Amino acid sequence: MAMPPVLQNEGAWIAIGVSLVFVIAALVMHRVVVKILKDPPGDPSAGLTHPEEKRSHHE
């Protein structure tokens, strides 16, 4: 079975590869954003605190 003529071009494979990289990056970013939005604010498991919280503990 021969490949279609459009896939015999090297540029087509580069475009497909770049598109796949963008799709994978978008999926990873989506998972990160959903995880951040689902965590309650100030959750100690996140390892991040707001600057106001740091100031109030040190005064």
PDB file of N, CA and C in Angstrom:
ATOM      1  N   MET A   1       0.847  -1.177   0.000  1.00  0.00           N
ATOM      2  CA  MET A   1       0.000   0.000   0.000  1.00  0.00           C
ATOM      3  C   MET A   1       0.890   1.237   0.000  1.00  0.00           C
ATOM      4  N   ALA A   2       0.733   2.073  -0.976  1.00  0.00           N
ATOM      5  CA  ALA A   2       1.563   3.273  -1.106  1.00  0.00           C
ATOM      6  C   ALA A   2       0.979   4.415  -0.285  1.00  0.00           C
ATOM      7  N   MET A   3       1.894   5.288   0.195  1.00  0.00           N
ATOM      8  CA  MET A   3       1.452   6.467   0.931  1.00  0.00           C
ATOM      9  C   MET A   3       0.855   7.483  -0.034  1.00  0.00           C
ATOM     10  N   PRO A   4      -0.125   8.250   0.434  1.00  0.00           N
ATOM     11  CA  PRO A   4      -0.647   9.318  -0.420  1.00  0.00           C
ATOM     12  C   PRO A   4       0.461  10.318  -0.758  1.00  0.00           C
ATOM     13  N   PRO A   5       0.364  10.981  -1.880  1.00  0.00           N
ATOM     14  CA  PRO A   5       1.429  11.915  -2.290  1.00  0.00           C
ATOM     15  C   PRO A   5       1.696  13.026  -1.280  1.00  0.00           C
ATOM     16  N   VAL A   6       0.671  13.450  -0.546  1.00  0.00           N
ATOM     17  CA  VAL A   6       0.874  14.532   0.411  1.00  0.00           C
ATOM     18  C   VAL A   6       1.789  14.092   1.560  1.00  0.00           C
ATOM     19  N   LEU A   7       1.791  12.797   1.903  1.00  0.00           N
ATOM     20  CA  LEU A   7       2.631  12.311   2.994  1.00  0.00           C
ATOM     21  C   LEU A   7       4.042  11.943   2.534  1.00  0.00           C
ATOM     22  N   GLN A   8       4.298  12.004   1.266  1.00  0.00           N
ATOM     23  CA  GLN A   8       5.644  11.716   0.772  1.00  0.00           C
ATOM     24  C   GLN A   8       6.545  12.944   0.871  1.00  0.00           C
ATOM     25  N   ASN A   9       5.956  14.073   1.202  1.00  0.00           N
ATOM     26  CA  ASN A   9       6.707  15.304   1.335  1.00  0.00           C
ATOM     27  C   ASN A   9       7.283  15.393   2.755  1.00  0.00           C
ATOM     28  N   GLU A  10       8.565  15.777   2.871  1.00  0.00           N
ATOM     29  CA  GLU A  10       9.202  15.881   4.187  1.00  0.00           C
ATOM     30  C   GLU A  10       8.531  16.964   5.033  1.00  0.00           C
ATOM     31  N   GLY A  11       8.101  18.040   4.410  1.00  0.00           N
ATOM     32  CA  GLY A  11       7.446  19.124   5.143  1.00  0.00           C
ATOM     33  C   GLY A  11       6.161  18.686   5.807  1.00  0.00           C
ATOM     34  N   ALA A  12       5.468  17.739   5.202  1.00  0.00           N
ATOM     35  CA  ALA A  12       4.224  17.240   5.793  1.00  0.00           C
ATOM     36  C   ALA A  12       4.512  16.537   7.118  1.00  0.00           C
ATOM     37  N   TRP A  13       5.572  15.749   7.166  1.00  0.00           N
ATOM     38  CA  TRP A  13       5.919  15.038   8.390  1.00  0.00           C
ATOM     39  C   TRP A  13       6.371  16.009   9.482  1.00  0.00           C
ATOM     40  N   ILE A  14       7.064  17.068   9.082  1.00  0.00           N
ATOM     41  CA  ILE A  14       7.470  18.089  10.061  1.00  0.00           C
ATOM     42  C   ILE A  14       6.221  18.766  10.636  1.00  0.00           C
ATOM     43  N   ALA A  15       5.277  19.111   9.771  1.00  0.00           N
ATOM     44  CA  ALA A  15       4.041  19.757  10.232  1.00  0.00           C
ATOM     45  C   ALA A  15       3.255  18.834  11.153  1.00  0.00           C
ATOM     46  N   ILE A  16       3.185  17.557  10.825  1.00  0.00           N
ATOM     47  CA  ILE A  16       2.478  16.598  11.681  1.00  0.00           C
ATOM     48  C   ILE A  16       3.174  16.487  13.030  1.00  0.00           C
ATOM     49  N   GLY A  17       4.496  16.433  13.030  1.00  0.00           N
ATOM     50  CA  GLY A  17       5.250  16.335  14.285  1.00  0.00           C
ATOM     51  C   GLY A  17       5.061  17.563  15.162  1.00  0.00           C
ATOM     52  N   VAL A  18       5.137  18.741  14.558  1.00  0.00           N
ATOM     53  CA  VAL A  18       4.943  19.974  15.330  1.00  0.00           C
ATOM     54  C   VAL A  18       3.521  20.031  15.873  1.00  0.00           C
ATOM     55  N   SER A  19       2.558  19.631  15.090  1.00  0.00           N
ATOM     56  CA  SER A  19       1.166  19.624  15.544  1.00  0.00           C
ATOM     57  C   SER A  19       0.989  18.676  16.723  1.00  0.00           C
ATOM     58  N   LEU A  20       1.606  17.523  16.671  1.00  0.00           N
ATOM     59  CA  LEU A  20       1.506  16.573  17.786  1.00  0.00           C
ATOM     60  C   LEU A  20       2.140  17.136  19.053  1.00  0.00           C
ATOM     61  N   VAL A  21       3.251  17.837  18.908  1.00  0.00           N
ATOM     62  CA  VAL A  21       3.892  18.452  20.075  1.00  0.00           C
ATOM     63  C   VAL A  21       2.950  19.475  20.707  1.00  0.00           C
ATOM     64  N   PHE A  22       2.293  20.290  19.885  1.00  0.00           N
ATOM     65  CA  PHE A  22       1.359  21.274  20.418  1.00  0.00           C
ATOM     66  C   PHE A  22       0.166  20.610  21.092  1.00  0.00           C
ATOM     67  N   VAL A  23      -0.337  19.539  20.536  1.00  0.00           N
ATOM     68  CA  VAL A  23      -1.475  18.839  21.137  1.00  0.00           C
ATOM     69  C   VAL A  23      -1.071  18.248  22.486  1.00  0.00           C
ATOM     70  N   ILE A  24       0.096  17.645  22.564  1.00  0.00           N
ATOM     71  CA  ILE A  24       0.569  17.068  23.830  1.00  0.00           C
ATOM     72  C   ILE A  24       0.782  18.167  24.866  1.00  0.00           C
ATOM     73  N   ALA A  25       1.389  19.289  24.455  1.00  0.00           N
ATOM     74  CA  ALA A  25       1.593  20.407  25.378  1.00  0.00           C
ATOM     75  C   ALA A  25       0.256  20.942  25.882  1.00  0.00           C
ATOM     76  N   ALA A  26      -0.737  21.028  25.011  1.00  0.00           N
ATOM     77  CA  ALA A  26      -2.058  21.519  25.413  1.00  0.00           C
ATOM     78  C   ALA A  26      -2.706  20.569  26.421  1.00  0.00           C
ATOM     79  N   LEU A  27      -2.573  19.276  26.209  1.00  0.00           N
ATOM     80  CA  LEU A  27      -3.151  18.313  27.144  1.00  0.00           C
ATOM     81  C   LEU A  27      -2.484  18.405  28.515  1.00  0.00           C
ATOM     82  N   VAL A  28      -1.166  18.548  28.533  1.00  0.00           N
ATOM     83  CA  VAL A  28      -0.445  18.669  29.805  1.00  0.00           C
ATOM     84  C   VAL A  28      -0.859  19.956  30.517  1.00  0.00           C
ATOM     85  N   MET A  29      -0.922  21.058  29.778  1.00  0.00           N
ATOM     86  CA  MET A  29      -1.319  22.333  30.383  1.00  0.00           C
ATOM     87  C   MET A  29      -2.756  22.260  30.909  1.00  0.00           C
ATOM     88  N   HIS A  30      -3.633  21.584  30.189  1.00  0.00           N
ATOM     89  CA  HIS A  30      -5.020  21.432  30.639  1.00  0.00           C
ATOM     90  C   HIS A  30      -5.079  20.685  31.956  1.00  0.00           C
ATOM     91  N   ARG A  31      -4.318  19.595  32.054  1.00  0.00           N
ATOM     92  CA  ARG A  31      -4.317  18.813  33.296  1.00  0.00           C
ATOM     93  C   ARG A  31      -3.790  19.639  34.464  1.00  0.00           C
ATOM     94  N   VAL A  32      -2.742  20.430  34.228  1.00  0.00           N
ATOM     95  CA  VAL A  32      -2.171  21.258  35.298  1.00  0.00           C
ATOM     96  C   VAL A  32      -3.172  22.310  35.747  1.00  0.00           C
ATOM     97  N   VAL A  33      -3.819  22.984  34.808  1.00  0.00           N
ATOM     98  CA  VAL A  33      -4.778  24.026  35.163  1.00  0.00           C
ATOM     99  C   VAL A  33      -5.959  23.430  35.908  1.00  0.00           C
ATOM    100  N   VAL A  34      -6.472  22.300  35.461  1.00  0.00           N
ATOM    101  CA  VAL A  34      -7.599  21.661  36.149  1.00  0.00           C
ATOM    102  C   VAL A  34      -7.191  21.256  37.560  1.00  0.00           C
ATOM    103  N   LYS A  35      -5.985  20.741  37.726  1.00  0.00           N
ATOM    104  CA  LYS A  35      -5.519  20.340  39.056  1.00  0.00           C
ATOM    105  C   LYS A  35      -5.406  21.558  39.965  1.00  0.00           C
ATOM    106  N   ILE A  36      -4.887  22.662  39.452  1.00  0.00           N
ATOM    107  CA  ILE A  36      -4.752  23.878  40.256  1.00  0.00           C
ATOM    108  C   ILE A  36      -6.131  24.401  40.645  1.00  0.00           C
ATOM    109  N   LEU A  37      -7.064  24.390  39.713  1.00  0.00           N
ATOM    110  CA  LEU A  37      -8.390  24.921  40.013  1.00  0.00           C
ATOM    111  C   LEU A  37      -9.186  24.026  40.959  1.00  0.00           C
ATOM    112  N   LYS A  38      -8.918  22.732  40.971  1.00  0.00           N
ATOM    113  CA  LYS A  38      -9.646  21.823  41.859  1.00  0.00           C
ATOM    114  C   LYS A  38      -9.115  21.869  43.282  1.00  0.00           C
ATOM    115  N   ASP A  39      -7.834  22.212  43.481  1.00  0.00           N
ATOM    116  CA  ASP A  39      -7.265  22.291  44.825  1.00  0.00           C
ATOM    117  C   ASP A  39      -7.857  23.491  45.549  1.00  0.00           C
ATOM    118  N   PRO A  40      -8.198  23.318  46.833  1.00  0.00           N
ATOM    119  CA  PRO A  40      -8.702  24.471  47.581  1.00  0.00           C
ATOM    120  C   PRO A  40      -7.582  25.489  47.806  1.00  0.00           C
ATOM    121  N   PRO A  41      -7.926  26.769  47.916  1.00  0.00           N
ATOM    122  CA  PRO A  41      -6.890  27.789  48.130  1.00  0.00           C
ATOM    123  C   PRO A  41      -6.172  27.569  49.456  1.00  0.00           C
ATOM    124  N   GLY A  42      -4.872  27.774  49.460  1.00  0.00           N
ATOM    125  CA  GLY A  42      -4.094  27.624  50.684  1.00  0.00           C
ATOM    126  C   GLY A  42      -3.865  26.186  51.079  1.00  0.00           C
ATOM    127  N   ASP A  43      -4.048  25.259  50.176  1.00  0.00           N
ATOM    128  CA  ASP A  43      -3.836  23.842  50.467  1.00  0.00           C
ATOM    129  C   ASP A  43      -2.352  23.601  50.703  1.00  0.00           C
ATOM    130  N   PRO A  44      -1.965  23.074  51.874  1.00  0.00           N
ATOM    131  CA  PRO A  44      -0.533  22.866  52.149  1.00  0.00           C
ATOM    132  C   PRO A  44       0.121  21.841  51.218  1.00  0.00           C
ATOM    133  N   SER A  45      -0.676  20.949  50.614  1.00  0.00           N
ATOM    134  CA  SER A  45      -0.070  19.964  49.716  1.00  0.00           C
ATOM    135  C   SER A  45       0.467  20.607  48.455  1.00  0.00           C
ATOM    136  N   ALA A  46      -0.034  21.809  48.117  1.00  0.00           N
ATOM    137  CA  ALA A  46       0.450  22.500  46.924  1.00  0.00           C
ATOM    138  C   ALA A  46       1.856  23.037  47.138  1.00  0.00           C
ATOM    139  N   GLY A  47       2.230  23.310  48.389  1.00  0.00           N
ATOM    140  CA  GLY A  47       3.571  23.793  48.681  1.00  0.00           C
ATOM    141  C   GLY A  47       3.734  25.277  48.440  1.00  0.00           C
ATOM    142  N   LEU A  48       2.674  25.965  48.096  1.00  0.00           N
ATOM    143  CA  LEU A  48       2.752  27.398  47.846  1.00  0.00           C
ATOM    144  C   LEU A  48       1.808  28.116  48.800  1.00  0.00           C
ATOM    145  N   THR A  49       2.256  29.259  49.307  1.00  0.00           N
ATOM    146  CA  THR A  49       1.402  30.069  50.159  1.00  0.00           C
ATOM    147  C   THR A  49       1.337  31.470  49.597  1.00  0.00           C
ATOM    148  N   HIS A  50       0.310  32.174  49.968  1.00  0.00           N
ATOM    149  CA  HIS A  50       0.163  33.548  49.517  1.00  0.00           C
ATOM    150  C   HIS A  50       1.095  34.452  50.324  1.00  0.00           C
ATOM    151  N   PRO A  51       1.585  35.531  49.746  1.00  0.00           N
ATOM    152  CA  PRO A  51       2.477  36.432  50.485  1.00  0.00           C
ATOM    153  C   PRO A  51       1.834  36.974  51.756  1.00  0.00           C
ATOM    154  N   GLU A  52       0.523  37.195  51.774  1.00  0.00           N
ATOM    155  CA  GLU A  52      -0.146  37.692  52.962  1.00  0.00           C
ATOM    156  C   GLU A  52      -0.035  36.685  54.105  1.00  0.00           C
ATOM    157  N   GLU A  53      -0.119  35.401  53.755  1.00  0.00           N
ATOM    158  CA  GLU A  53      -0.016  34.359  54.792  1.00  0.00           C
ATOM    159  C   GLU A  53       1.373  34.334  55.395  1.00  0.00           C
ATOM    160  N   LYS A  54       2.398  34.519  54.585  1.00  0.00           N
ATOM    161  CA  LYS A  54       3.766  34.508  55.084  1.00  0.00           C
ATOM    162  C   LYS A  54       3.977  35.681  56.028  1.00  0.00           C
ATOM    163  N   ARG A  55       3.461  36.870  55.663  1.00  0.00           N
ATOM    164  CA  ARG A  55       3.647  38.060  56.484  1.00  0.00           C
ATOM    165  C   ARG A  55       2.968  37.909  57.832  1.00  0.00           C
ATOM    166  N   SER A  56       1.773  37.354  57.846  1.00  0.00           N
ATOM    167  CA  SER A  56       1.032  37.264  59.099  1.00  0.00           C
ATOM    168  C   SER A  56       1.687  36.286  60.075  1.00  0.00           C
ATOM    169  N   HIS A  57       2.397  35.281  59.587  1.00  0.00           N
ATOM    170  CA  HIS A  57       3.042  34.312  60.471  1.00  0.00           C
ATOM    171  C   HIS A  57       4.333  34.849  61.058  1.00  0.00           C
ATOM    172  N   HIS A  58       4.972  35.786  60.380  1.00  0.00           N
ATOM    173  CA  HIS A  58       6.277  36.285  60.839  1.00  0.00           C
ATOM    174  C   HIS A  58       6.154  37.512  61.716  1.00  0.00           C
ATOM    175  N   GLU A  59       4.983  38.114  61.834  1.00  0.00           N
ATOM    176  CA  GLU A  59       4.857  39.337  62.632  1.00  0.00           C
ATOM    177  C   GLU A  59       4.470  39.037  64.052  1.00  0.00           C
TER     178      GLU A  59
END
